[in-house]
PDB file of N, CA and C in Angstrom:
ATOM      1  N   MET A   1     104.191 117.563 102.738  1.00  0.00           N
ATOM      2  CA  MET A   1     104.025 116.152 103.025  1.00  0.00           C
ATOM      3  C   MET A   1     105.064 115.379 102.215  1.00  0.00           C
ATOM      4  N   ASN A   2     105.837 114.571 102.871  1.00  0.00           N
ATOM      5  CA  ASN A   2     106.832 113.723 102.219  1.00  0.00           C
ATOM      6  C   ASN A   2     106.364 112.281 102.220  1.00  0.00           C
ATOM      7  N   ILE A   3     106.061 111.771 101.042  1.00  0.00           N
ATOM      8  CA  ILE A   3     105.640 110.378 100.905  1.00  0.00           C
ATOM      9  C   ILE A   3     106.879 109.497 100.991  1.00  0.00           C
ATOM     10  N   VAL A   4     106.843 108.495 101.872  1.00  0.00           N
ATOM     11  CA  VAL A   4     108.008 107.633 102.056  1.00  0.00           C
ATOM     12  C   VAL A   4     107.741 106.179 101.675  1.00  0.00           C
ATOM     13  N   ASN A   5     106.469 105.801 101.497  1.00  0.00           N
ATOM     14  CA  ASN A   5     106.152 104.428 101.098  1.00  0.00           C
ATOM     15  C   ASN A   5     104.782 104.398 100.432  1.00  0.00           C
ATOM     16  N   VAL A   6     104.626 103.500  99.461  1.00  0.00           N
ATOM     17  CA  VAL A   6     103.356 103.333  98.757  1.00  0.00           C
ATOM     18  C   VAL A   6     103.095 101.845  98.607  1.00  0.00           C
ATOM     19  N   GLU A   7     101.859 101.431  98.895  1.00  0.00           N
ATOM     20  CA  GLU A   7     101.459 100.037  98.712  1.00  0.00           C
ATOM     21  C   GLU A   7     100.187 100.003  97.878  1.00  0.00           C
ATOM     22  N   MET A   8     100.083  98.992  97.007  1.00  0.00           N
ATOM     23  CA  MET A   8      98.912  98.856  96.148  1.00  0.00           C
ATOM     24  C   MET A   8      98.291  97.486  96.358  1.00  0.00           C
ATOM     25  N   GLU A   9      96.967  97.456  96.420  1.00  0.00           N
ATOM     26  CA  GLU A   9      96.222  96.197  96.488  1.00  0.00           C
ATOM     27  C   GLU A   9      95.213  96.216  95.355  1.00  0.00           C
ATOM     28  N   THR A  10      95.284  95.217  94.494  1.00  0.00           N
ATOM     29  CA  THR A  10      94.373  95.170  93.355  1.00  0.00           C
ATOM     30  C   THR A  10      93.062  94.507  93.745  1.00  0.00           C
ATOM     31  N   ALA A  11      92.055  94.741  92.939  1.00  0.00           N
ATOM     32  CA  ALA A  11      90.727  94.202  93.206  1.00  0.00           C
ATOM     33  C   ALA A  11      90.723  92.687  93.076  1.00  0.00           C
ATOM     34  N   GLY A  12      89.931  92.046  93.910  1.00  0.00           N
ATOM     35  CA  GLY A  12      89.814  90.591  93.868  1.00  0.00           C
ATOM     36  C   GLY A  12      88.648  90.158  93.003  1.00  0.00           C
ATOM     37  N   ALA A  13      88.257  88.917  93.143  1.00  0.00           N
ATOM     38  CA  ALA A  13      87.197  88.345  92.314  1.00  0.00           C
ATOM     39  C   ALA A  13      85.805  88.760  92.784  1.00  0.00           C
ATOM     40  N   GLY A  14      85.661  89.101  94.047  1.00  0.00           N
ATOM     41  CA  GLY A  14      84.346  89.431  94.593  1.00  0.00           C
ATOM     42  C   GLY A  14      84.009  90.899  94.433  1.00  0.00           C
ATOM     43  N   ILE A  15      83.612  91.504  95.530  1.00  0.00           N
ATOM     44  CA  ILE A  15      83.209  92.909  95.504  1.00  0.00           C
ATOM     45  C   ILE A  15      84.336  93.831  95.969  1.00  0.00           C
ATOM     46  N   ASP A  16      85.565  93.330  95.973  1.00  0.00           N
ATOM     47  CA  ASP A  16      86.707  94.124  96.425  1.00  0.00           C
ATOM     48  C   ASP A  16      86.960  95.300  95.493  1.00  0.00           C
ATOM     49  N   ASP A  17      87.484  96.378  96.066  1.00  0.00           N
ATOM     50  CA  ASP A  17      87.946  97.524  95.299  1.00  0.00           C
ATOM     51  C   ASP A  17      89.464  97.527  95.305  1.00  0.00           C
ATOM     52  N   SER A  18      90.043  98.270  94.380  1.00  0.00           N
ATOM     53  CA  SER A  18      91.489  98.471  94.394  1.00  0.00           C
ATOM     54  C   SER A  18      91.798  99.565  95.404  1.00  0.00           C
ATOM     55  N   GLU A  19      92.986  99.504  95.991  1.00  0.00           N
ATOM     56  CA  GLU A  19      93.349 100.556  96.934  1.00  0.00           C
ATOM     57  C   GLU A  19      94.847 100.826  96.900  1.00  0.00           C
ATOM     58  N   ILE A  20      95.172 102.077  97.199  1.00  0.00           N
ATOM     59  CA  ILE A  20      96.556 102.513  97.344  1.00  0.00           C
ATOM     60  C   ILE A  20      96.687 103.097  98.738  1.00  0.00           C
ATOM     61  N   THR A  21      97.704 102.659  99.474  1.00  0.00           N
ATOM     62  CA  THR A  21      97.980 103.185 100.805  1.00  0.00           C
ATOM     63  C   THR A  21      99.319 103.899 100.758  1.00  0.00           C
ATOM     64  N   ILE A  22      99.313 105.175 101.169  1.00  0.00           N
ATOM     65  CA  ILE A  22     100.568 105.918 101.216  1.00  0.00           C
ATOM     66  C   ILE A  22     100.968 106.132 102.669  1.00  0.00           C
ATOM     67  N   THR A  23     102.264 106.096 102.907  1.00  0.00           N
ATOM     68  CA  THR A  23     102.841 106.410 104.204  1.00  0.00           C
ATOM     69  C   THR A  23     103.627 107.697 104.029  1.00  0.00           C
ATOM     70  N   TYR A  24     103.385 108.659 104.905  1.00  0.00           N
ATOM     71  CA  TYR A  24     104.066 109.942 104.774  1.00  0.00           C
ATOM     72  C   TYR A  24     104.536 110.444 106.134  1.00  0.00           C
ATOM     73  N   LEU A  25     105.509 111.333 106.090  1.00  0.00           N
ATOM     74  CA  LEU A  25     106.056 111.927 107.303  1.00  0.00           C
ATOM     75  C   LEU A  25     105.183 113.090 107.743  1.00  0.00           C
ATOM     76  N   GLU A  26     104.804 113.118 109.013  1.00  0.00           N
ATOM     77  CA  GLU A  26     104.064 114.255 109.555  1.00  0.00           C
ATOM     78  C   GLU A  26     105.003 115.414 109.864  1.00  0.00           C
ATOM     79  N   ASN A  27     106.187 115.097 110.354  1.00  0.00           N
ATOM     80  CA  ASN A  27     107.146 116.141 110.713  1.00  0.00           C
ATOM     81  C   ASN A  27     108.210 116.242 109.626  1.00  0.00           C
ATOM     82  N   VAL A  28     108.028 117.192 108.724  1.00  0.00           N
ATOM     83  CA  VAL A  28     108.924 117.333 107.590  1.00  0.00           C
ATOM     84  C   VAL A  28     110.306 117.809 108.045  1.00  0.00           C
ATOM     85  N   PHE A  29     110.348 118.678 109.046  1.00  0.00           N
ATOM     86  CA  PHE A  29     111.617 119.175 109.565  1.00  0.00           C
ATOM     87  C   PHE A  29     112.102 118.193 110.619  1.00  0.00           C
ATOM     88  N   LEU A  30     112.826 117.180 110.160  1.00  0.00           N
ATOM     89  CA  LEU A  30     113.202 116.058 111.017  1.00  0.00           C
ATOM     90  C   LEU A  30     114.323 116.397 111.981  1.00  0.00           C
ATOM     91  N   LYS A  31     114.185 115.891 113.176  1.00  0.00           N
ATOM     92  CA  LYS A  31     115.301 115.826 114.104  1.00  0.00           C
ATOM     93  C   LYS A  31     115.774 114.381 114.056  1.00  0.00           C
ATOM     94  N   ALA A  32     117.002 114.164 114.387  1.00  0.00           N
ATOM     95  CA  ALA A  32     117.573 112.822 114.276  1.00  0.00           C
ATOM     96  C   ALA A  32     116.760 111.795 115.057  1.00  0.00           C
ATOM     97  N   HIS A  33     116.464 110.693 114.406  1.00  0.00           N
ATOM     98  CA  HIS A  33     115.804 109.527 115.010  1.00  0.00           C
ATOM     99  C   HIS A  33     114.426 109.849 115.600  1.00  0.00           C
ATOM    100  N   ASN A  34     113.705 110.782 115.002  1.00  0.00           N
ATOM    101  CA  ASN A  34     112.393 111.156 115.533  1.00  0.00           C
ATOM    102  C   ASN A  34     111.411 111.360 114.377  1.00  0.00           C
ATOM    103  N   GLU A  35     110.993 110.272 113.752  1.00  0.00           N
ATOM    104  CA  GLU A  35     110.049 110.352 112.639  1.00  0.00           C
ATOM    105  C   GLU A  35     108.635 110.062 113.124  1.00  0.00           C
ATOM    106  N   HIS A  36     107.679 110.842 112.637  1.00  0.00           N
ATOM    107  CA  HIS A  36     106.265 110.601 112.911  1.00  0.00           C
ATOM    108  C   HIS A  36     105.598 110.278 111.578  1.00  0.00           C
ATOM    109  N   LEU A  37     105.167 109.032 111.422  1.00  0.00           N
ATOM    110  CA  LEU A  37     104.571 108.569 110.174  1.00  0.00           C
ATOM    111  C   LEU A  37     103.058 108.504 110.291  1.00  0.00           C
ATOM    112  N   SER A  38     102.383 108.801 109.184  1.00  0.00           N
ATOM    113  CA  SER A  38     100.935 108.637 109.091  1.00  0.00           C
ATOM    114  C   SER A  38     100.615 107.879 107.808  1.00  0.00           C
ATOM    115  N   PHE A  39      99.429 107.325 107.766  1.00  0.00           N
ATOM    116  CA  PHE A  39      98.990 106.523 106.628  1.00  0.00           C
ATOM    117  C   PHE A  39      97.691 107.099 106.086  1.00  0.00           C
ATOM    118  N   HIS A  40      97.500 106.976 104.779  1.00  0.00           N
ATOM    119  CA  HIS A  40      96.235 107.371 104.161  1.00  0.00           C
ATOM    120  C   HIS A  40      95.906 106.356 103.072  1.00  0.00           C
ATOM    121  N   LYS A  41      94.670 105.883 103.083  1.00  0.00           N
ATOM    122  CA  LYS A  41      94.238 104.864 102.124  1.00  0.00           C
ATOM    123  C   LYS A  41      93.254 105.474 101.127  1.00  0.00           C
ATOM    124  N   PHE A  42      93.517 105.239  99.850  1.00  0.00           N
ATOM    125  CA  PHE A  42      92.636 105.664  98.771  1.00  0.00           C
ATOM    126  C   PHE A  42      92.017 104.421  98.152  1.00  0.00           C
ATOM    127  N   GLU A  43      90.697 104.413  98.002  1.00  0.00           N
ATOM    128  CA  GLU A  43      90.006 103.280  97.378  1.00  0.00           C
ATOM    129  C   GLU A  43      89.462 103.706  96.022  1.00  0.00           C
ATOM    130  N   PHE A  44      89.559 102.793  95.060  1.00  0.00           N
ATOM    131  CA  PHE A  44      89.140 103.060  93.692  1.00  0.00           C
ATOM    132  C   PHE A  44      88.195 101.959  93.228  1.00  0.00           C
ATOM    133  N   PRO A  45      87.266 102.281  92.320  1.00  0.00           N
ATOM    134  CA  PRO A  45      86.387 101.247  91.767  1.00  0.00           C
ATOM    135  C   PRO A  45      87.200 100.151  91.081  1.00  0.00           C
ATOM    136  N   LYS A  46      86.585  99.015  90.960  1.00  0.00           N
ATOM    137  CA  LYS A  46      87.264  97.805  90.490  1.00  0.00           C
ATOM    138  C   LYS A  46      87.934  97.970  89.127  1.00  0.00           C
ATOM    139  N   LYS A  47      87.311  98.652  88.191  1.00  0.00           N
ATOM    140  CA  LYS A  47      87.832  98.724  86.824  1.00  0.00           C
ATOM    141  C   LYS A  47      88.767  99.910  86.586  1.00  0.00           C
ATOM    142  N   THR A  48      89.084 100.682  87.610  1.00  0.00           N
ATOM    143  CA  THR A  48      89.963 101.838  87.455  1.00  0.00           C
ATOM    144  C   THR A  48      91.412 101.383  87.303  1.00  0.00           C
ATOM    145  N   ASP A  49      92.114 101.984  86.351  1.00  0.00           N
ATOM    146  CA  ASP A  49      93.532 101.673  86.136  1.00  0.00           C
ATOM    147  C   ASP A  49      94.364 102.548  87.077  1.00  0.00           C
ATOM    148  N   ILE A  50      94.817 101.965  88.182  1.00  0.00           N
ATOM    149  CA  ILE A  50      95.558 102.737  89.181  1.00  0.00           C
ATOM    150  C   ILE A  50      97.069 102.590  89.031  1.00  0.00           C
ATOM    151  N   LEU A  51      97.522 101.812  88.077  1.00  0.00           N
ATOM    152  CA  LEU A  51      98.957 101.581  87.914  1.00  0.00           C
ATOM    153  C   LEU A  51      99.747 102.864  87.629  1.00  0.00           C
ATOM    154  N   PRO A  52      99.286 103.775  86.749  1.00  0.00           N
ATOM    155  CA  PRO A  52     100.053 105.013  86.531  1.00  0.00           C
ATOM    156  C   PRO A  52     100.174 105.864  87.806  1.00  0.00           C
ATOM    157  N   LEU A  53      99.111 105.950  88.579  1.00  0.00           N
ATOM    158  CA  LEU A  53      99.152 106.702  89.838  1.00  0.00           C
ATOM    159  C   LEU A  53     100.100 106.041  90.828  1.00  0.00           C
ATOM    160  N   TYR A  54     100.028 104.728  90.931  1.00  0.00           N
ATOM    161  CA  TYR A  54     100.914 103.986  91.833  1.00  0.00           C
ATOM    162  C   TYR A  54     102.374 104.187  91.444  1.00  0.00           C
ATOM    163  N   THR A  55     102.671 104.120  90.153  1.00  0.00           N
ATOM    164  CA  THR A  55     104.042 104.305  89.674  1.00  0.00           C
ATOM    165  C   THR A  55     104.550 105.699  90.013  1.00  0.00           C
ATOM    166  N   TYR A  56     103.720 106.707  89.809  1.00  0.00           N
ATOM    167  CA  TYR A  56     104.108 108.088  90.111  1.00  0.00           C
ATOM    168  C   TYR A  56     104.376 108.271  91.603  1.00  0.00           C
ATOM    169  N   LEU A  57     103.478 107.777  92.447  1.00  0.00           N
ATOM    170  CA  LEU A  57     103.655 107.912  93.891  1.00  0.00           C
ATOM    171  C   LEU A  57     104.870 107.131  94.382  1.00  0.00           C
ATOM    172  N   LEU A  58     105.133 105.978  93.787  1.00  0.00           N
ATOM    173  CA  LEU A  58     106.299 105.184  94.163  1.00  0.00           C
ATOM    174  C   LEU A  58     107.598 105.913  93.815  1.00  0.00           C
ATOM    175  N   GLU A  59     107.619 106.600  92.677  1.00  0.00           N
ATOM    176  CA  GLU A  59     108.793 107.405  92.320  1.00  0.00           C
ATOM    177  C   GLU A  59     109.005 108.531  93.322  1.00  0.00           C
ATOM    178  N   LEU A  60     107.928 109.190  93.733  1.00  0.00           N
ATOM    179  CA  LEU A  60     108.043 110.239  94.750  1.00  0.00           C
ATOM    180  C   LEU A  60     108.603 109.683  96.050  1.00  0.00           C
ATOM    181  N   ALA A  61     108.093 108.548  96.471  1.00  0.00           N
ATOM    182  CA  ALA A  61     108.564 107.933  97.711  1.00  0.00           C
ATOM    183  C   ALA A  61     110.041 107.573  97.606  1.00  0.00           C
ATOM    184  N   TYR A  62     110.459 107.081  96.456  1.00  0.00           N
ATOM    185  CA  TYR A  62     111.860 106.709  96.251  1.00  0.00           C
ATOM    186  C   TYR A  62     112.771 107.933  96.372  1.00  0.00           C
ATOM    187  N   HIS A  63     112.364 109.044  95.767  1.00  0.00           N
ATOM    188  CA  HIS A  63     113.188 110.255  95.803  1.00  0.00           C
ATOM    189  C   HIS A  63     113.152 110.941  97.169  1.00  0.00           C
ATOM    190  N   ASN A  64     112.097 110.732  97.935  1.00  0.00           N
ATOM    191  CA  ASN A  64     112.008 111.340  99.265  1.00  0.00           C
ATOM    192  C   ASN A  64     112.839 110.603 100.296  1.00  0.00           C
ATOM    193  N   ARG A  65     113.216 109.378 100.042  1.00  0.00           N
ATOM    194  CA  ARG A  65     114.042 108.623 100.990  1.00  0.00           C
ATOM    195  C   ARG A  65     115.458 108.702 100.534  1.00  0.00           C
TER     196      ARG A  65
END
């Protein structure tokens, strides 16, 4: 799985949770101009520190592109 994008949403004032959404390539062996992308969302409790995980995944996405 090649992660190509990562997005983070922090918890709000209400009952919101924090979440990280990753975008990854389904077809690792790419042919020109034929990418198949999928998304996966991870939700975390409000007080969880997700910044280290987000930073790590963002570095992976940067190196994969």
